[in-house]
């Protein structure tokens, strides 16, 4: 298939033997042959019900064969996938549907009633049939046909939309990022290259597939013919570690909160993982002390620190594991095929100066759906202005300082929340910290810190303030400290500062 006529679903499944294992779930195992049949059956179902190229299809469900087959089936048919969390609030789900103009929905059966108010019964496909309701179709019914309905991959252009991936909404309202077939191909091949992934790789998946980090695990391991071990039980992390040992996983991927839990709430340091070749960390900053603890707990495992955005399909940079000793704290440099610069008003910053990270590469998305103003602001001349403020050293390695929307202005001085959070973590025995600004008549904004102790009941607000006063400039000491058992997070594990600011911690 030429670059002009390129279907990423066909690209991801090409060359795999039908008998090769693709998914290991708690309910059973599935082969590439099963996935190929299921995804083609779903593509046929959508086309037969009038779906046209470019139509949007909502996909809501837990990680499963149904989700993966639905995702590939949508792309195979030349349609646009709109992945959303299965626990999305009704009002937000309504927004997703209306904003994207989705005409069809693939969903787990528990969402049938909610989606029934938004779609006709002919436009919904469920993961399994509802008892006593014959009006809605389900995937097992398609697969029970002899033979299951099949359709060739649609002849899509590489620039055609493949997905509308919503941003996390951790600091503002989620936006739908326009991801093309070519964006996925470019990011997938780049990640495979620097991670050196092969068909022998078996990744433990605790991240949801609707999140771009989770989707990238799916893309890369499908492309190389690897296996994905799906385990949704991270609320019981010891079970996940046991499952990793039992299934001989070669990789694990998580956001900072996953690793803090593994370090503080499990027996990770007492276990051995002879097959675990690498771990991936992205989705936010994991403090240097935690990375060192991970290296101590997994001495033979490579630790990849990475950085990315939904607007870049998934990944933008990585720090090679061999440089952790000399570049700890850095996000590294651009992945293969991506050029990262740190700029201030269009000029490259000098080492030590602060500027915005700007990215260029074939993985950079086309913009935001139905939002030309924000697209123009963020995707200027095909260059992604990430909104992340950073410094660069003499060798070109980048260190993120803060989000441009995650600053405080205390006494007229602009202070990055991330820098504050790191300083508080360094001087206190804490698992996590989130800093927000609160109105102050004198200072403009005062600092409020939400802190999670490593061990419940092990610290008080007064102790945190005392340690901060001992190790930090007085103007940076939080006016208020709130000790909580956990910080509010979305399905991707990102801290929801919107809730903290509104008092919903």
Protein backbone atom coordinates (compact mmCIF):
# COMPACT_ATOMS: atom_id res chain seq x y z
CA UNK A 1 0.00 0.00 0.00
CA UNK A 2 1.50 3.38 -1.05
CA UNK A 3 1.93 6.30 1.33
CA UNK A 4 -0.98 8.03 -0.40
CA UNK A 5 -3.25 5.02 0.11
CA UNK A 6 -2.45 3.85 3.61
CA UNK A 7 -4.70 2.23 6.22
CA UNK A 8 -3.07 2.04 9.63
CA UNK A 9 -5.24 -0.91 10.78
CA UNK A 10 -3.92 -3.04 7.93
CA UNK A 11 -0.39 -1.79 8.68
CA UNK A 12 -0.61 -2.82 12.35
CA UNK A 13 -1.84 -6.36 11.62
CA UNK A 14 0.24 -7.07 8.51
CA UNK A 15 2.46 -10.15 8.55
CA UNK A 16 1.22 -11.74 11.76
CA UNK A 17 0.52 -15.48 11.90
CA UNK A 18 -3.06 -16.25 12.88
CA UNK A 19 -1.88 -18.51 15.70
CA UNK A 20 0.37 -15.89 17.35
CA UNK A 21 -0.80 -14.64 20.76
CA UNK A 22 -1.87 -10.98 20.85
CA UNK A 23 -3.86 -10.54 24.09
CA UNK A 24 -3.73 -12.16 27.51
CA UNK A 25 -6.64 -11.08 29.71
CA UNK A 26 -7.92 -12.39 33.02
CA UNK A 27 -10.71 -14.09 31.06
CA UNK A 28 -8.49 -15.87 28.53
CA UNK A 29 -6.12 -15.46 25.60
CA UNK A 30 -6.66 -14.27 22.03
CA UNK A 31 -4.68 -14.70 18.83
CA UNK A 32 -3.96 -12.38 15.93
CA UNK A 33 -6.28 -14.52 13.85
CA UNK A 34 -9.17 -13.91 16.26
CA UNK A 35 -8.41 -10.19 16.32
CA UNK A 36 -8.28 -10.02 12.53
CA UNK A 37 -11.67 -11.73 12.21
CA UNK A 38 -13.32 -9.66 14.96
CA UNK A 39 -12.05 -6.31 13.67
CA UNK A 40 -13.13 -7.11 10.11
CA UNK A 41 -16.57 -8.20 11.34
CA UNK A 42 -16.99 -4.87 13.15
CA UNK A 43 -15.87 -2.93 10.07
CA UNK A 44 -18.46 -4.81 8.00
CA UNK A 45 -21.18 -4.15 10.58
CA UNK A 46 -20.54 -0.39 10.48
CA UNK A 47 -20.41 -0.20 6.69
CA UNK A 48 -23.60 -2.23 6.30
CA UNK A 49 -25.38 0.23 8.58
CA UNK A 50 -24.48 3.17 6.42
CA UNK A 51 -21.20 4.41 7.84
CA UNK A 52 -19.29 6.51 5.32
CA UNK A 53 -15.60 7.39 5.21
CA UNK A 54 -14.81 10.00 7.80
CA UNK A 55 -17.82 9.29 10.03
CA UNK A 56 -16.98 9.37 13.72
CA UNK A 57 -17.55 6.33 15.92
CA UNK A 58 -17.56 6.52 19.71
CA UNK A 59 -15.61 3.72 21.41
CA UNK A 60 -16.22 3.27 25.15
CA UNK A 61 -15.12 0.25 27.13
CA UNK A 62 -12.50 -1.35 29.30
CA UNK A 63 -9.33 -2.81 27.80
CA UNK A 64 -10.40 -6.03 26.07
CA UNK A 65 -10.55 -7.90 22.78
CA UNK A 66 -13.74 -5.95 22.07
CA UNK A 67 -11.96 -2.62 22.51
CA UNK A 68 -8.98 -3.56 20.35
CA UNK A 69 -11.15 -5.15 17.65
CA UNK A 70 -13.48 -2.15 17.73
CA UNK A 71 -10.61 0.30 17.37
CA UNK A 72 -9.05 -1.57 14.46
CA UNK A 73 -12.44 -2.21 12.88
CA UNK A 74 -13.26 1.50 12.89
CA UNK A 75 -9.93 2.37 11.26
CA UNK A 76 -10.20 -0.56 8.83
CA UNK A 77 -13.53 0.83 7.57
CA UNK A 78 -12.01 4.27 6.95
CA UNK A 79 -13.92 5.79 9.87
CA UNK A 80 -12.69 7.97 12.72
CA UNK A 81 -12.43 6.50 16.21
CA UNK A 82 -13.43 8.60 19.23
CA UNK A 83 -12.09 6.70 22.28
CA UNK A 84 -13.50 7.81 25.65
CA UNK A 85 -13.34 6.44 29.21
CA UNK A 86 -16.07 3.93 30.04
CA UNK A 87 -16.80 5.78 33.30
CA UNK A 88 -17.37 9.15 31.62
CA UNK A 89 -20.04 11.20 33.37
CA UNK A 90 -23.31 11.44 31.36
CA UNK A 91 -22.96 15.17 30.75
CA UNK A 92 -19.38 14.81 29.52
CA UNK A 93 -20.34 11.83 27.35
CA UNK A 94 -23.05 13.97 25.77
CA UNK A 95 -20.44 16.65 25.08
CA UNK A 96 -18.12 14.10 23.42
CA UNK A 97 -20.91 12.88 21.15
CA UNK A 98 -22.19 16.31 20.21
CA UNK A 99 -18.74 17.88 19.76
CA UNK A 100 -17.49 15.15 17.43
CA UNK A 101 -20.80 14.46 15.69
CA UNK A 102 -20.38 10.73 16.32
CA UNK A 103 -22.97 8.69 14.38
CA UNK A 104 -22.20 5.25 15.81
CA UNK A 105 -21.10 3.79 19.14
CA UNK A 106 -19.20 0.67 20.14
CA UNK A 107 -19.52 0.17 23.87
CA UNK A 108 -19.58 -2.23 26.75
CA UNK A 109 -23.08 -3.37 27.65
CA UNK A 110 -23.22 -1.40 30.91
CA UNK A 111 -23.39 1.80 28.85
CA UNK A 112 -26.28 0.66 26.65
CA UNK A 113 -28.99 2.60 28.45
CA UNK A 114 -26.96 5.80 28.59
CA UNK A 115 -26.05 5.61 24.89
CA UNK A 116 -29.58 4.63 23.92
CA UNK A 117 -30.63 8.22 24.47
CA UNK A 118 -27.98 9.46 22.02
CA UNK A 119 -27.96 6.83 19.25
CA UNK A 120 -30.49 4.70 17.41
CA UNK A 121 -30.43 0.97 18.23
CA UNK A 122 -29.02 0.24 14.74
CA UNK A 123 -26.06 2.51 15.48
CA UNK A 124 -24.86 0.74 18.64
CA UNK A 125 -22.74 -2.41 18.92
CA UNK A 126 -22.13 -3.89 22.38
CA UNK A 127 -19.41 -6.16 23.71
CA UNK A 128 -22.05 -8.71 24.76
CA UNK A 129 -25.81 -9.10 24.42
CA UNK A 130 -28.18 -7.75 27.06
CA UNK A 131 -30.50 -10.28 28.67
CA UNK A 132 -34.04 -9.85 27.38
CA UNK A 133 -33.14 -7.10 24.91
CA UNK A 134 -32.94 -8.16 21.28
CA UNK A 135 -32.84 -4.65 19.84
CA UNK A 136 -29.11 -4.08 20.26
CA UNK A 137 -26.46 -6.06 18.39
CA UNK A 138 -23.36 -7.48 20.07
CA UNK A 139 -19.98 -8.68 18.85
CA UNK A 140 -20.54 -12.36 19.79
CA UNK A 141 -23.55 -12.39 17.46
CA UNK A 142 -21.38 -11.22 14.57
CA UNK A 143 -18.74 -13.84 15.31
CA UNK A 144 -21.38 -16.58 15.54
CA UNK A 145 -22.25 -16.13 11.87
CA UNK A 146 -20.75 -18.75 9.57
CA UNK A 147 -18.54 -17.33 8.27
CA UNK A 148 -18.24 -14.07 10.24
CA UNK A 149 -18.74 -11.01 8.01
CA UNK A 150 -15.48 -9.78 6.50
CA UNK A 151 -14.49 -6.70 4.50
CA UNK A 152 -11.22 -5.50 2.96
CA UNK A 153 -9.46 -2.52 4.50
CA UNK A 154 -10.72 0.78 3.14
CA UNK A 155 -8.41 2.66 0.79
CA UNK A 156 -7.66 5.60 3.03
CA UNK A 157 -5.13 8.36 2.44
CA UNK A 158 -2.26 8.64 4.89
CA UNK A 159 -3.43 12.14 5.84
CA UNK A 160 -7.02 11.04 6.57
CA UNK A 161 -8.19 11.19 10.16
CA UNK A 162 -7.91 7.96 12.13
CA UNK A 163 -8.91 9.17 15.59
CA UNK A 164 -10.08 12.09 17.67
CA UNK A 165 -8.16 11.64 20.91
CA UNK A 166 -9.35 13.80 23.79
CA UNK A 167 -6.76 15.49 25.95
CA UNK A 168 -6.77 14.60 29.63
CA UNK A 169 -8.53 17.75 30.75
CA UNK A 170 -6.33 17.89 33.86
CA UNK A 171 -6.05 21.69 33.71
CA UNK A 172 -8.93 22.71 31.38
CA UNK A 173 -11.77 21.32 29.26
CA UNK A 174 -10.72 18.32 27.12
CA UNK A 175 -10.05 18.99 23.45
CA UNK A 176 -10.32 16.53 20.55
CA UNK A 177 -6.94 16.14 18.86
CA UNK A 178 -7.05 15.16 15.16
CA UNK A 179 -4.75 12.14 14.67
CA UNK A 180 -4.13 10.84 11.14
CA UNK A 181 -3.16 7.40 9.87
CA UNK A 182 0.31 8.82 9.13
CA UNK A 183 0.66 10.29 12.64
CA UNK A 184 0.16 6.82 14.11
CA UNK A 185 2.57 5.16 11.70
CA UNK A 186 5.31 7.73 12.33
CA UNK A 187 5.06 7.60 16.12
CA UNK A 188 4.80 3.81 16.15
CA UNK A 189 7.94 3.27 14.07
CA UNK A 190 9.90 5.80 16.10
CA UNK A 191 9.03 4.19 19.44
CA UNK A 192 9.78 0.71 18.12
CA UNK A 193 13.19 1.95 16.97
CA UNK A 194 14.44 3.47 20.22
CA UNK A 195 12.79 0.83 22.44
CA UNK A 196 14.15 -1.96 20.19
CA UNK A 197 10.83 -3.82 20.40
CA UNK A 198 10.43 -7.26 18.82
CA UNK A 199 7.81 -9.98 18.50
CA UNK A 200 9.24 -11.47 21.70
CA UNK A 201 8.11 -8.50 23.78
CA UNK A 202 5.20 -8.92 26.19
CA UNK A 203 3.95 -5.73 27.86
CA UNK A 204 1.92 -5.50 31.05
CA UNK A 205 -0.89 -3.01 30.31
CA UNK A 206 -2.46 -1.16 33.24
CA UNK A 207 -3.02 2.04 31.25
CA UNK A 208 -6.38 2.44 29.49
CA UNK A 209 -6.26 2.08 25.72
CA UNK A 210 -8.34 5.25 25.29
CA UNK A 211 -5.38 7.27 26.68
CA UNK A 212 -2.70 8.08 24.10
CA UNK A 213 0.07 6.47 26.20
CA UNK A 214 -1.99 3.27 26.41
CA UNK A 215 -2.86 3.44 22.71
CA UNK A 216 0.85 3.73 21.86
CA UNK A 217 1.50 0.45 23.69
CA UNK A 218 -1.18 -1.14 21.53
CA UNK A 219 0.19 0.33 18.30
CA UNK A 220 3.81 -0.67 18.90
CA UNK A 221 3.18 -4.19 20.12
CA UNK A 222 0.69 -4.97 17.35
CA UNK A 223 3.15 -3.72 14.76
CA UNK A 224 6.02 -5.94 15.96
CA UNK A 225 3.77 -8.94 16.62
CA UNK A 226 4.18 -8.81 20.39
CA UNK A 227 1.71 -9.65 23.16
CA UNK A 228 -0.27 -7.36 25.48
CA UNK A 229 -1.11 -8.62 28.98
CA UNK A 230 -4.19 -6.72 30.15
CA UNK A 231 -4.77 -6.45 33.90
CA UNK A 232 -7.27 -3.89 35.28
CA UNK A 233 -6.55 -4.68 38.95
CA UNK A 234 -4.05 -1.94 39.78
CA UNK A 235 -6.06 -1.11 42.89
CA UNK A 236 -4.48 -4.40 44.04
CA UNK A 237 -0.94 -3.82 42.74
CA UNK A 238 0.51 -6.99 44.28
CA UNK A 239 -1.78 -9.01 42.01
CA UNK A 240 -0.43 -7.12 38.99
CA UNK A 241 3.16 -7.85 40.01
CA UNK A 242 2.30 -11.51 40.47
CA UNK A 243 0.65 -11.56 37.05
CA UNK A 244 3.77 -10.01 35.52
CA UNK A 245 5.86 -12.81 36.95
CA UNK A 246 3.42 -15.52 35.84
CA UNK A 247 3.15 -14.23 32.27
CA UNK A 248 6.88 -13.45 31.96
CA UNK A 249 6.34 -9.84 30.95
CA UNK A 250 9.28 -8.11 29.29
CA UNK A 251 7.89 -4.61 29.78
CA UNK A 252 5.77 -2.38 31.99
CA UNK A 253 4.48 1.13 31.35
CA UNK A 254 3.03 3.62 33.79
CA UNK A 255 2.58 7.22 34.85
CA UNK A 256 4.19 8.62 38.04
CA UNK A 257 1.33 7.55 40.32
CA UNK A 258 1.73 3.91 39.23
CA UNK A 259 5.39 3.91 40.21
CA UNK A 260 4.79 5.69 43.51
CA UNK A 261 2.26 2.99 44.42
CA UNK A 262 4.61 0.20 43.37
CA UNK A 263 7.44 1.69 45.42
CA UNK A 264 5.47 2.55 48.54
CA UNK A 265 2.59 0.06 48.66
CA UNK A 266 4.03 -3.23 47.34
CA UNK A 267 6.85 -5.71 47.85
CA UNK A 268 8.44 -4.69 44.53
CA UNK A 269 11.95 -4.55 46.01
CA UNK A 270 11.60 -8.13 47.30
CA UNK A 271 10.50 -9.64 43.99
CA UNK A 272 12.51 -10.69 40.96
CA UNK A 273 11.49 -10.26 37.34
CA UNK A 274 14.01 -12.19 35.24
CA UNK A 275 12.18 -11.43 31.97
CA UNK A 276 11.52 -7.72 32.57
CA UNK A 277 13.72 -5.92 30.03
CA UNK A 278 12.39 -2.38 30.41
CA UNK A 279 9.91 -0.08 32.10
CA UNK A 280 8.47 3.07 30.52
CA UNK A 281 7.59 6.20 32.51
CA UNK A 282 5.66 9.10 30.97
CA UNK A 283 2.49 11.08 31.62
CA UNK A 284 4.11 13.52 34.05
CA UNK A 285 7.23 14.00 36.11
CA UNK A 286 8.48 11.28 38.42
CA UNK A 287 10.92 12.77 40.91
CA UNK A 288 14.55 11.74 40.71
CA UNK A 289 14.54 10.01 44.09
CA UNK A 290 11.72 7.73 42.94
CA UNK A 291 13.58 6.88 39.74
CA UNK A 292 16.64 5.94 41.77
CA UNK A 293 14.49 3.76 44.01
CA UNK A 294 13.08 2.05 40.92
CA UNK A 295 16.58 1.36 39.65
CA UNK A 296 17.47 -0.14 43.00
CA UNK A 297 14.38 -2.34 43.03
CA UNK A 298 14.87 -3.45 39.39
CA UNK A 299 18.65 -3.46 38.91
CA UNK A 300 18.63 -5.45 35.65
CA UNK A 301 15.73 -3.56 34.05
CA UNK A 302 16.17 -0.56 31.73
CA UNK A 303 14.29 2.56 32.87
CA UNK A 304 13.04 4.74 29.99
CA UNK A 305 11.99 8.24 31.06
CA UNK A 306 9.82 9.71 28.31
CA UNK A 307 7.81 12.80 27.49
CA UNK A 308 4.89 13.32 25.16
CA UNK A 309 1.50 14.84 24.47
CA UNK A 310 -1.75 13.75 22.91
CA UNK A 311 -1.06 16.46 20.31
CA UNK A 312 2.00 14.46 19.23
CA UNK A 313 0.09 11.14 18.95
CA UNK A 314 1.95 10.01 22.06
CA UNK A 315 5.69 10.42 22.28
CA UNK A 316 8.08 13.35 21.75
CA UNK A 317 11.28 12.57 23.66
CA UNK A 318 13.08 9.99 25.73
CA UNK A 319 16.14 9.77 27.93
CA UNK A 320 18.26 6.69 27.15
CA UNK A 321 18.56 4.48 30.26
CA UNK A 322 22.34 4.68 30.11
CA UNK A 323 22.21 8.44 30.75
CA UNK A 324 20.20 8.34 33.97
CA UNK A 325 23.33 8.82 36.06
CA UNK A 326 24.43 11.99 34.27
CA UNK A 327 21.10 13.45 33.03
CA UNK A 328 18.65 12.48 35.77
CA UNK A 329 15.72 14.91 35.76
CA UNK A 330 15.91 15.51 32.02
CA UNK A 331 13.34 14.33 29.46
CA UNK A 332 16.19 13.75 27.01
CA UNK A 333 15.99 14.71 23.36
CA UNK A 334 13.54 14.19 20.52
CA UNK A 335 12.73 10.62 19.49
CA UNK A 336 13.75 9.50 15.99
CA UNK A 337 11.99 11.67 13.42
CA UNK A 338 11.17 14.45 15.90
CA UNK A 339 13.02 17.75 16.31
CA UNK A 340 12.57 19.44 19.68
CA UNK A 341 13.69 22.98 20.39
CA UNK A 342 13.30 25.28 23.38
CA UNK A 343 12.33 28.77 22.23
CA UNK A 344 11.48 32.20 23.56
CA UNK A 345 9.63 34.44 21.09
CA UNK A 346 10.86 32.33 18.19
CA UNK A 347 14.51 32.34 19.28
CA UNK A 348 16.43 29.38 20.65
CA UNK A 349 17.20 29.81 24.34
CA UNK A 350 20.70 29.59 25.68
CA UNK A 351 21.63 26.93 28.24
CA UNK A 352 19.95 27.74 31.54
CA UNK A 353 17.34 30.08 30.04
CA UNK A 354 13.65 29.17 30.10
CA UNK A 355 11.56 28.81 26.95
CA UNK A 356 8.74 26.77 25.44
CA UNK A 357 9.26 23.31 23.95
CA UNK A 358 8.40 23.31 20.24
CA UNK A 359 8.15 20.09 18.22
CA UNK A 360 8.33 19.24 14.53
CA UNK A 361 7.68 15.74 13.17
CA UNK A 362 5.30 13.54 11.22
CA UNK A 363 3.69 12.48 14.50
CA UNK A 364 2.46 16.02 15.21
CA UNK A 365 -1.34 16.09 14.91
CA UNK A 366 -3.36 18.17 12.48
CA UNK A 367 -4.93 20.34 15.16
CA UNK A 368 -8.03 20.45 17.35
CA UNK A 369 -11.40 19.36 16.02
CA UNK A 370 -13.69 22.34 15.31
CA UNK A 371 -11.40 24.79 17.12
CA UNK A 372 -9.47 26.84 14.55
CA UNK A 373 -8.41 29.51 17.04
CA UNK A 374 -6.77 27.07 19.47
CA UNK A 375 -5.32 25.12 16.55
CA UNK A 376 -3.69 28.28 15.23
CA UNK A 377 -2.30 29.07 18.68
CA UNK A 378 -0.89 25.60 19.34
CA UNK A 379 -0.04 24.26 15.87
CA UNK A 380 1.62 27.27 14.27
CA UNK A 381 2.97 26.56 10.76
CA UNK A 382 2.94 22.81 11.46
CA UNK A 383 5.03 23.25 14.62
CA UNK A 384 3.60 22.05 17.92
CA UNK A 385 3.90 24.65 20.65
CA UNK A 386 3.59 22.33 23.62
CA UNK A 387 2.91 24.87 26.35
CA UNK A 388 5.63 23.23 28.43
CA UNK A 389 8.35 25.54 29.71
CA UNK A 390 11.84 24.09 29.89
CA UNK A 391 15.57 24.66 29.95
CA UNK A 392 18.25 23.06 27.81
CA UNK A 393 21.84 22.22 28.74
CA UNK A 394 25.02 22.56 26.69
CA UNK A 395 24.50 19.12 25.13
CA UNK A 396 20.90 19.78 24.10
CA UNK A 397 19.17 17.77 26.84
CA UNK A 398 15.85 19.27 27.90
CA UNK A 399 14.45 19.66 31.42
CA UNK A 400 10.80 20.64 31.86
CA UNK A 401 10.14 23.45 34.33
CA UNK A 402 6.34 23.75 34.22
CA UNK A 403 3.25 24.04 32.07
CA UNK A 404 2.61 27.56 30.80
CA UNK A 405 -0.85 27.23 32.37
CA UNK A 406 0.52 25.82 35.63
CA UNK A 407 2.23 28.84 37.12
CA UNK A 408 1.52 30.94 40.20
CA UNK A 409 2.08 34.67 40.43
CA UNK A 410 3.21 35.47 43.96
CA UNK A 411 4.10 39.09 44.70
CA UNK A 412 4.47 39.75 40.99
CA UNK A 413 6.86 36.81 40.47
CA UNK A 414 5.90 33.94 38.14
CA UNK A 415 6.61 30.60 39.84
CA UNK A 416 6.27 27.17 38.23
CA UNK A 417 4.08 24.78 40.22
CA UNK A 418 6.17 21.85 39.13
CA UNK A 419 9.35 23.36 40.54
CA UNK A 420 7.59 23.96 43.84
CA UNK A 421 6.27 20.41 43.91
CA UNK A 422 9.76 19.01 43.33
CA UNK A 423 11.24 21.12 46.10
CA UNK A 424 8.56 20.04 48.57
CA UNK A 425 9.08 16.39 47.60
CA UNK A 426 12.82 16.72 48.12
CA UNK A 427 12.56 18.11 51.66
CA UNK A 428 9.65 15.99 52.93
CA UNK A 429 8.97 12.25 53.09
CA UNK A 430 6.01 12.33 50.71
CA UNK A 431 4.64 10.16 47.92
CA UNK A 432 3.01 12.96 45.91
CA UNK A 433 2.51 16.71 45.97
CA UNK A 434 0.22 19.00 43.99
CA UNK A 435 0.47 22.77 44.26
CA UNK A 436 -2.26 25.25 43.31
CA UNK A 437 -2.70 28.97 43.78
CA UNK A 438 -5.32 30.55 46.02
CA UNK A 439 -6.31 34.24 46.00
CA UNK A 440 -4.41 36.47 48.44
CA UNK A 441 -5.01 40.21 48.97
CA UNK A 442 -1.33 40.93 49.54
CA UNK A 443 0.54 38.39 47.42
CA UNK A 444 -1.92 38.09 44.54
CA UNK A 445 -1.72 34.31 44.80
CA UNK A 446 -0.62 32.23 47.76
CA UNK A 447 0.62 28.66 47.66
CA UNK A 448 -1.60 25.78 48.68
CA UNK A 449 -0.07 22.29 48.71
CA UNK A 450 -1.94 19.00 48.72
CA UNK A 451 0.37 16.25 49.99
CA UNK A 452 0.14 12.46 50.11
CA UNK A 453 2.37 10.83 52.77
CA UNK A 454 4.23 7.66 51.89
CA UNK A 455 2.57 6.01 54.85
CA UNK A 456 -0.87 7.01 56.11
CA UNK A 457 -0.72 9.17 59.22
CA UNK A 458 3.03 9.62 59.00
CA UNK A 459 3.00 13.41 58.61
CA UNK A 460 1.00 16.52 59.50
CA UNK A 461 0.54 19.89 57.79
CA UNK A 462 2.65 21.55 60.48
CA UNK A 463 5.54 19.12 59.87
CA UNK A 464 5.45 19.78 56.12
CA UNK A 465 5.47 23.55 56.67
CA UNK A 466 8.35 23.28 59.14
CA UNK A 467 10.46 21.23 56.70
CA UNK A 468 9.66 23.64 53.89
CA UNK A 469 10.73 26.63 56.05
CA UNK A 470 13.99 24.83 56.81
CA UNK A 471 14.89 24.04 53.20
CA UNK A 472 13.10 26.58 51.00
CA UNK A 473 12.94 30.38 50.59
CA UNK A 474 10.27 31.84 52.84
CA UNK A 475 8.19 33.18 49.94
CA UNK A 476 7.89 29.64 48.55
CA UNK A 477 6.65 28.02 51.75
CA UNK A 478 3.00 26.97 51.31
CA UNK A 479 0.51 29.13 53.19
CA UNK A 480 -1.73 26.11 53.49
CA UNK A 481 -0.96 22.37 53.50
CA UNK A 482 -3.65 19.76 53.13
CA UNK A 483 -2.78 16.13 53.87
CA UNK A 484 -4.84 13.70 51.77
CA UNK A 485 -4.84 9.94 51.25
CA UNK A 486 -4.79 10.36 47.46
CA UNK A 487 -4.88 13.09 44.83
CA UNK A 488 -7.80 13.16 42.38
CA UNK A 489 -6.76 11.66 39.07
CA UNK A 490 -8.34 10.83 35.75
CA UNK A 491 -8.24 7.38 34.11
CA UNK A 492 -4.79 8.20 32.73
CA UNK A 493 -3.40 8.76 36.21
CA UNK A 494 -2.95 12.51 35.77
CA UNK A 495 -3.67 14.80 38.71
CA UNK A 496 -6.85 16.84 38.25
CA UNK A 497 -5.87 20.26 39.53
CA UNK A 498 -9.23 21.56 38.38
CA UNK A 499 -10.81 19.57 41.23
CA UNK A 500 -8.19 20.67 43.72
CA UNK A 501 -8.82 24.32 42.88
CA UNK A 502 -12.57 23.85 43.19
CA UNK A 503 -12.26 22.12 46.55
CA UNK A 504 -13.21 18.65 45.29
CA UNK A 505 -10.11 16.85 46.60
